[in-house]
Amino acid sequence: MSTLEILVVGVIAIVGVGLYGLLITRNLIKVVVALQILVKGALIALVAAGDASGQVGLSQSLAITVIVADTVVGVVGLALAVQTKRLLGTLDVDALSTLKG
């Protein structure tokens, strides 16, 4: 089994875990963690694709950009979770539908 095939299997596994986490949980913090896992799988796929196509520099620069954007999404998601917990007393995603404003 080649290195690329191992990476593809790993990426599928990581993306699968992230997607499964997104589908089964209703807790905001767990949703943010599952989203982070999903994005990390996509990052590994991006770098592996760059390596396979011979454009490692481009894929690495795109990966760094995605890491920065992903960090912002994670921080905003956690801040939303903290504010939801303070306001509603729960981290349930369904509780967000009761917000008005």
Foldseek 3Di string as FASTA:
>chain_A
DDPLVVLVVVLVVQLVQLVVQCPPDQFLLSVLVSVVSNVVSVLSVLQSVCVVVVNNVVSVVVSVVSVVVSVVVSVVSVVVQVVCCVPVVGRGNVVVVVDDD
